Amino acid sequence: GGDAGTRRLVMAQDTGGGIIGAVRAD
């Protein structure tokens, strides 16, 4: 995400009504 706090390992475990697109994350 461009900074140290959002440059990390995560797991895709959820979705949402506004989370649409190839490169899109909440």
PDB file of all heavy atoms in Angstrom:
ATOM      1  N   GLY A   1       0.803  -1.211   0.000  1.00  0.00           N
ATOM      2  CA  GLY A   1       0.000   0.000   0.000  1.00  0.00           C
ATOM      3  C   GLY A   1       0.836   1.262   0.000  1.00  0.00           C
ATOM      4  O   GLY A   1       0.304   2.353   0.221  1.00  0.00           O
ATOM      5  N   GLY A   2       2.151   1.124  -0.215  1.00  0.00           N
ATOM      6  CA  GLY A   2       3.005   2.288  -0.361  1.00  0.00           C
ATOM      7  C   GLY A   2       3.697   2.764   0.895  1.00  0.00           C
ATOM      8  O   GLY A   2       4.477   3.713   0.848  1.00  0.00           O
ATOM      9  N   ASP A   3       3.431   2.132   2.054  1.00  0.00           N
ATOM     10  CA  ASP A   3       4.132   2.525   3.271  1.00  0.00           C
ATOM     11  C   ASP A   3       4.388   1.279   4.104  1.00  0.00           C
ATOM     12  O   ASP A   3       3.871   0.190   3.828  1.00  0.00           O
ATOM     13  CB  ASP A   3       3.331   3.565   4.066  1.00  0.00           C
ATOM     14  CG  ASP A   3       1.938   3.080   4.427  1.00  0.00           C
ATOM     15  OD1 ASP A   3       1.811   2.009   5.047  1.00  0.00           O
ATOM     16  OD2 ASP A   3       0.965   3.780   4.099  1.00  0.00           O
ATOM     17  N   ALA A   4       5.207   1.449   5.140  1.00  0.00           N
ATOM     18  CA  ALA A   4       5.609   0.296   5.951  1.00  0.00           C
ATOM     19  C   ALA A   4       4.432  -0.394   6.618  1.00  0.00           C
ATOM     20  O   ALA A   4       4.414  -1.615   6.769  1.00  0.00           O
ATOM     21  CB  ALA A   4       6.630   0.739   7.009  1.00  0.00           C
ATOM     22  N   GLY A   5       3.417   0.380   7.013  1.00  0.00           N
ATOM     23  CA  GLY A   5       2.278  -0.208   7.704  1.00  0.00           C
ATOM     24  C   GLY A   5       1.391  -1.059   6.824  1.00  0.00           C
ATOM     25  O   GLY A   5       0.710  -1.954   7.314  1.00  0.00           O
ATOM     26  N   THR A   6       1.389  -0.777   5.526  1.00  0.00           N
ATOM     27  CA  THR A   6       0.538  -1.537   4.608  1.00  0.00           C
ATOM     28  C   THR A   6       1.361  -2.320   3.585  1.00  0.00           C
ATOM     29  O   THR A   6       0.856  -2.698   2.529  1.00  0.00           O
ATOM     30  CB  THR A   6      -0.439  -0.595   3.874  1.00  0.00           C
ATOM     31  OG1 THR A   6       0.299   0.439   3.202  1.00  0.00           O
ATOM     32  CG2 THR A   6      -1.416   0.028   4.850  1.00  0.00           C
ATOM     33  N   ARG A   7       2.613  -2.561   3.884  1.00  0.00           N
ATOM     34  CA  ARG A   7       3.479  -3.401   3.051  1.00  0.00           C
ATOM     35  C   ARG A   7       3.752  -4.646   3.887  1.00  0.00           C
ATOM     36  O   ARG A   7       4.697  -4.692   4.670  1.00  0.00           O
ATOM     37  CB  ARG A   7       4.753  -2.653   2.693  1.00  0.00           C
ATOM     38  CG  ARG A   7       5.637  -3.343   1.669  1.00  0.00           C
ATOM     39  CD  ARG A   7       6.790  -2.443   1.274  1.00  0.00           C
ATOM     40  NE  ARG A   7       6.356  -1.340   0.422  1.00  0.00           N
ATOM     41  CZ  ARG A   7       6.846  -0.118   0.459  1.00  0.00           C
ATOM     42  NH1 ARG A   7       7.772   0.192   1.338  1.00  0.00           N
ATOM     43  NH2 ARG A   7       6.394   0.824  -0.368  1.00  0.00           N
ATOM     44  N   ARG A   8       2.919  -5.689   3.684  1.00  0.00           N
ATOM     45  CA  ARG A   8       2.965  -6.811   4.613  1.00  0.00           C
ATOM     46  C   ARG A   8       2.244  -8.042   4.057  1.00  0.00           C
ATOM     47  O   ARG A   8       1.550  -7.989   3.052  1.00  0.00           O
ATOM     48  CB  ARG A   8       2.300  -6.418   5.921  1.00  0.00           C
ATOM     49  CG  ARG A   8       0.859  -5.947   5.762  1.00  0.00           C
ATOM     50  CD  ARG A   8       0.164  -5.710   7.103  1.00  0.00           C
ATOM     51  NE  ARG A   8       0.924  -4.834   7.963  1.00  0.00           N
ATOM     52  CZ  ARG A   8       0.780  -4.808   9.287  1.00  0.00           C
ATOM     53  NH1 ARG A   8      -0.101  -5.605   9.865  1.00  0.00           N
ATOM     54  NH2 ARG A   8       1.484  -3.989  10.020  1.00  0.00           N
ATOM     55  N   LEU A   9       2.419  -9.153   4.772  1.00  0.00           N
ATOM     56  CA  LEU A   9       1.723 -10.398   4.482  1.00  0.00           C
ATOM     57  C   LEU A   9       0.310 -10.339   5.046  1.00  0.00           C
ATOM     58  O   LEU A   9       0.105  -9.956   6.198  1.00  0.00           O
ATOM     59  CB  LEU A   9       2.468 -11.573   5.119  1.00  0.00           C
ATOM     60  CG  LEU A   9       3.779 -11.992   4.464  1.00  0.00           C
ATOM     61  CD1 LEU A   9       4.660 -12.727   5.480  1.00  0.00           C
ATOM     62  CD2 LEU A   9       3.498 -12.878   3.254  1.00  0.00           C
ATOM     63  N   VAL A  10      -0.662 -10.718   4.226  1.00  0.00           N
ATOM     64  CA  VAL A  10      -2.049 -10.773   4.670  1.00  0.00           C
ATOM     65  C   VAL A  10      -2.712 -12.003   4.060  1.00  0.00           C
ATOM     66  O   VAL A  10      -2.204 -12.604   3.105  1.00  0.00           O
ATOM     67  CB  VAL A  10      -2.837  -9.501   4.270  1.00  0.00           C
ATOM     68  CG1 VAL A  10      -2.327  -8.284   5.014  1.00  0.00           C
ATOM     69  CG2 VAL A  10      -2.774  -9.274   2.759  1.00  0.00           C
ATOM     70  N   MET A  11      -3.875 -12.366   4.611  1.00  0.00           N
ATOM     71  CA  MET A  11      -4.671 -13.464   4.071  1.00  0.00           C
ATOM     72  C   MET A  11      -5.990 -12.920   3.532  1.00  0.00           C
ATOM     73  O   MET A  11      -6.645 -12.099   4.180  1.00  0.00           O
ATOM     74  CB  MET A  11      -4.971 -14.508   5.151  1.00  0.00           C
ATOM     75  CG  MET A  11      -3.767 -15.284   5.644  1.00  0.00           C
ATOM     76  SD  MET A  11      -2.901 -16.259   4.369  1.00  0.00           S
ATOM     77  CE  MET A  11      -4.193 -17.371   3.808  1.00  0.00           C
ATOM     78  N   ALA A  12      -6.393 -13.383   2.349  1.00  0.00           N
ATOM     79  CA  ALA A  12      -7.689 -13.022   1.771  1.00  0.00           C
ATOM     80  C   ALA A  12      -8.759 -13.869   2.445  1.00  0.00           C
ATOM     81  O   ALA A  12      -8.882 -15.062   2.156  1.00  0.00           O
ATOM     82  CB  ALA A  12      -7.672 -13.267   0.265  1.00  0.00           C
ATOM     83  N   GLN A  13      -9.529 -13.263   3.350  1.00  0.00           N
ATOM     84  CA  GLN A  13     -10.473 -14.026   4.162  1.00  0.00           C
ATOM     85  C   GLN A  13     -11.880 -13.447   4.185  1.00  0.00           C
ATOM     86  O   GLN A  13     -12.746 -13.962   4.884  1.00  0.00           O
ATOM     87  CB  GLN A  13      -9.941 -14.113   5.610  1.00  0.00           C
ATOM     88  CG  GLN A  13      -8.634 -14.896   5.714  1.00  0.00           C
ATOM     89  CD  GLN A  13      -8.031 -14.872   7.094  1.00  0.00           C
ATOM     90  OE1 GLN A  13      -8.126 -13.883   7.818  1.00  0.00           O
ATOM     91  NE2 GLN A  13      -7.394 -15.967   7.491  1.00  0.00           N
ATOM     92  N   ASP A  14     -12.125 -12.401   3.405  1.00  0.00           N
ATOM     93  CA  ASP A  14     -13.430 -11.759   3.482  1.00  0.00           C
ATOM     94  C   ASP A  14     -13.736 -11.066   2.161  1.00  0.00           C
ATOM     95  O   ASP A  14     -12.891 -11.033   1.253  1.00  0.00           O
ATOM     96  CB  ASP A  14     -13.422 -10.739   4.636  1.00  0.00           C
ATOM     97  CG  ASP A  14     -14.813 -10.410   5.158  1.00  0.00           C
ATOM     98  OD1 ASP A  14     -15.792 -11.031   4.709  1.00  0.00           O
ATOM     99  OD2 ASP A  14     -14.927  -9.522   6.031  1.00  0.00           O
ATOM    100  N   THR A  15     -14.935 -10.524   2.049  1.00  0.00           N
ATOM    101  CA  THR A  15     -15.318  -9.733   0.886  1.00  0.00           C
ATOM    102  C   THR A  15     -16.253  -8.630   1.359  1.00  0.00           C
ATOM    103  O   THR A  15     -16.547  -8.523   2.549  1.00  0.00           O
ATOM    104  CB  THR A  15     -15.985 -10.598  -0.194  1.00  0.00           C
ATOM    105  OG1 THR A  15     -16.063  -9.871  -1.414  1.00  0.00           O
ATOM    106  CG2 THR A  15     -17.379 -11.052   0.225  1.00  0.00           C
ATOM    107  N   GLY A  16     -16.721  -7.791   0.445  1.00  0.00           N
ATOM    108  CA  GLY A  16     -17.626  -6.712   0.799  1.00  0.00           C
ATOM    109  C   GLY A  16     -18.320  -6.182  -0.433  1.00  0.00           C
ATOM    110  O   GLY A  16     -17.844  -6.366  -1.555  1.00  0.00           O
ATOM    111  N   GLY A  17     -19.447  -5.489  -0.206  1.00  0.00           N
ATOM    112  CA  GLY A  17     -20.241  -5.001  -1.324  1.00  0.00           C
ATOM    113  C   GLY A  17     -19.505  -4.038  -2.224  1.00  0.00           C
ATOM    114  O   GLY A  17     -19.765  -3.972  -3.419  1.00  0.00           O
ATOM    115  N   GLY A  18     -18.567  -3.262  -1.674  1.00  0.00           N
ATOM    116  CA  GLY A  18     -17.834  -2.299  -2.478  1.00  0.00           C
ATOM    117  C   GLY A  18     -16.455  -2.768  -2.883  1.00  0.00           C
ATOM    118  O   GLY A  18     -15.673  -2.001  -3.442  1.00  0.00           O
ATOM    119  N   ILE A  19     -16.145  -4.041  -2.603  1.00  0.00           N
ATOM    120  CA  ILE A  19     -14.800  -4.556  -2.905  1.00  0.00           C
ATOM    121  C   ILE A  19     -14.868  -5.306  -4.235  1.00  0.00           C
ATOM    122  O   ILE A  19     -15.076  -6.516  -4.293  1.00  0.00           O
ATOM    123  CB  ILE A  19     -14.304  -5.476  -1.772  1.00  0.00           C
ATOM    124  CG1 ILE A  19     -14.490  -4.790  -0.413  1.00  0.00           C
ATOM    125  CG2 ILE A  19     -12.836  -5.826  -1.992  1.00  0.00           C
ATOM    126  CD1 ILE A  19     -13.840  -3.428  -0.311  1.00  0.00           C
ATOM    127  N   ILE A  20     -14.717  -4.571  -5.311  1.00  0.00           N
ATOM    128  CA  ILE A  20     -14.838  -5.123  -6.657  1.00  0.00           C
ATOM    129  C   ILE A  20     -13.652  -4.653  -7.486  1.00  0.00           C
ATOM    130  O   ILE A  20     -13.346  -3.468  -7.534  1.00  0.00           O
ATOM    131  CB  ILE A  20     -16.153  -4.685  -7.321  1.00  0.00           C
ATOM    132  CG1 ILE A  20     -17.364  -5.187  -6.502  1.00  0.00           C
ATOM    133  CG2 ILE A  20     -16.234  -5.205  -8.753  1.00  0.00           C
ATOM    134  CD1 ILE A  20     -18.686  -4.670  -6.999  1.00  0.00           C
ATOM    135  N   GLY A  21     -12.987  -5.596  -8.136  1.00  0.00           N
ATOM    136  CA  GLY A  21     -11.871  -5.259  -9.007  1.00  0.00           C
ATOM    137  C   GLY A  21     -10.711  -6.206  -8.815  1.00  0.00           C
ATOM    138  O   GLY A  21     -10.599  -6.886  -7.792  1.00  0.00           O
ATOM    139  N   ALA A  22      -9.843  -6.259  -9.797  1.00  0.00           N
ATOM    140  CA  ALA A  22      -8.721  -7.194  -9.761  1.00  0.00           C
ATOM    141  C   ALA A  22      -7.773  -6.899  -8.613  1.00  0.00           C
ATOM    142  O   ALA A  22      -7.339  -7.797  -7.886  1.00  0.00           O
ATOM    143  CB  ALA A  22      -7.970  -7.143 -11.098  1.00  0.00           C
ATOM    144  N   VAL A  23      -7.430  -5.619  -8.439  1.00  0.00           N
ATOM    145  CA  VAL A  23      -6.494  -5.217  -7.391  1.00  0.00           C
ATOM    146  C   VAL A  23      -7.258  -4.290  -6.446  1.00  0.00           C
ATOM    147  O   VAL A  23      -7.178  -3.070  -6.539  1.00  0.00           O
ATOM    148  CB  VAL A  23      -5.253  -4.523  -7.972  1.00  0.00           C
ATOM    149  CG1 VAL A  23      -4.219  -4.251  -6.878  1.00  0.00           C
ATOM    150  CG2 VAL A  23      -4.634  -5.369  -9.086  1.00  0.00           C
ATOM    151  N   ARG A  24      -7.990  -4.890  -5.542  1.00  0.00           N
ATOM    152  CA  ARG A  24      -8.855  -4.142  -4.615  1.00  0.00           C
ATOM    153  C   ARG A  24      -8.887  -4.886  -3.294  1.00  0.00           C
ATOM    154  O   ARG A  24      -9.101  -6.103  -3.249  1.00  0.00           O
ATOM    155  CB  ARG A  24     -10.263  -4.053  -5.201  1.00  0.00           C
ATOM    156  CG  ARG A  24     -11.269  -3.327  -4.326  1.00  0.00           C
ATOM    157  CD  ARG A  24     -11.017  -1.830  -4.308  1.00  0.00           C
ATOM    158  NE  ARG A  24     -12.053  -1.127  -3.532  1.00  0.00           N
ATOM    159  CZ  ARG A  24     -11.950  -0.878  -2.225  1.00  0.00           C
ATOM    160  NH1 ARG A  24     -10.861  -1.251  -1.566  1.00  0.00           N
ATOM    161  NH2 ARG A  24     -12.912  -0.241  -1.597  1.00  0.00           N
ATOM    162  N   ALA A  25      -8.637  -4.195  -2.190  1.00  0.00           N
ATOM    163  CA  ALA A  25      -8.626  -4.844  -0.885  1.00  0.00           C
ATOM    164  C   ALA A  25      -9.110  -3.886   0.187  1.00  0.00           C
ATOM    165  O   ALA A  25      -8.897  -2.674   0.105  1.00  0.00           O
ATOM    166  CB  ALA A  25      -7.233  -5.359  -0.532  1.00  0.00           C
ATOM    167  N   ASP A  26      -9.759  -4.448   1.199  1.00  0.00           N
ATOM    168  CA  ASP A  26     -10.196  -3.735   2.393  1.00  0.00           C
ATOM    169  C   ASP A  26      -9.438  -4.362   3.555  1.00  0.00           C
ATOM    170  O   ASP A  26      -9.546  -5.570   3.803  1.00  0.00           O
ATOM    171  CB  ASP A  26     -11.705  -3.908   2.566  1.00  0.00           C
ATOM    172  CG  ASP A  26     -12.389  -2.691   3.146  1.00  0.00           C
ATOM    173  OD1 ASP A  26     -11.752  -1.631   3.236  1.00  0.00           O
ATOM    174  OD2 ASP A  26     -13.574  -2.797   3.503  1.00  0.00           O
TER     175      ASP A  26
END
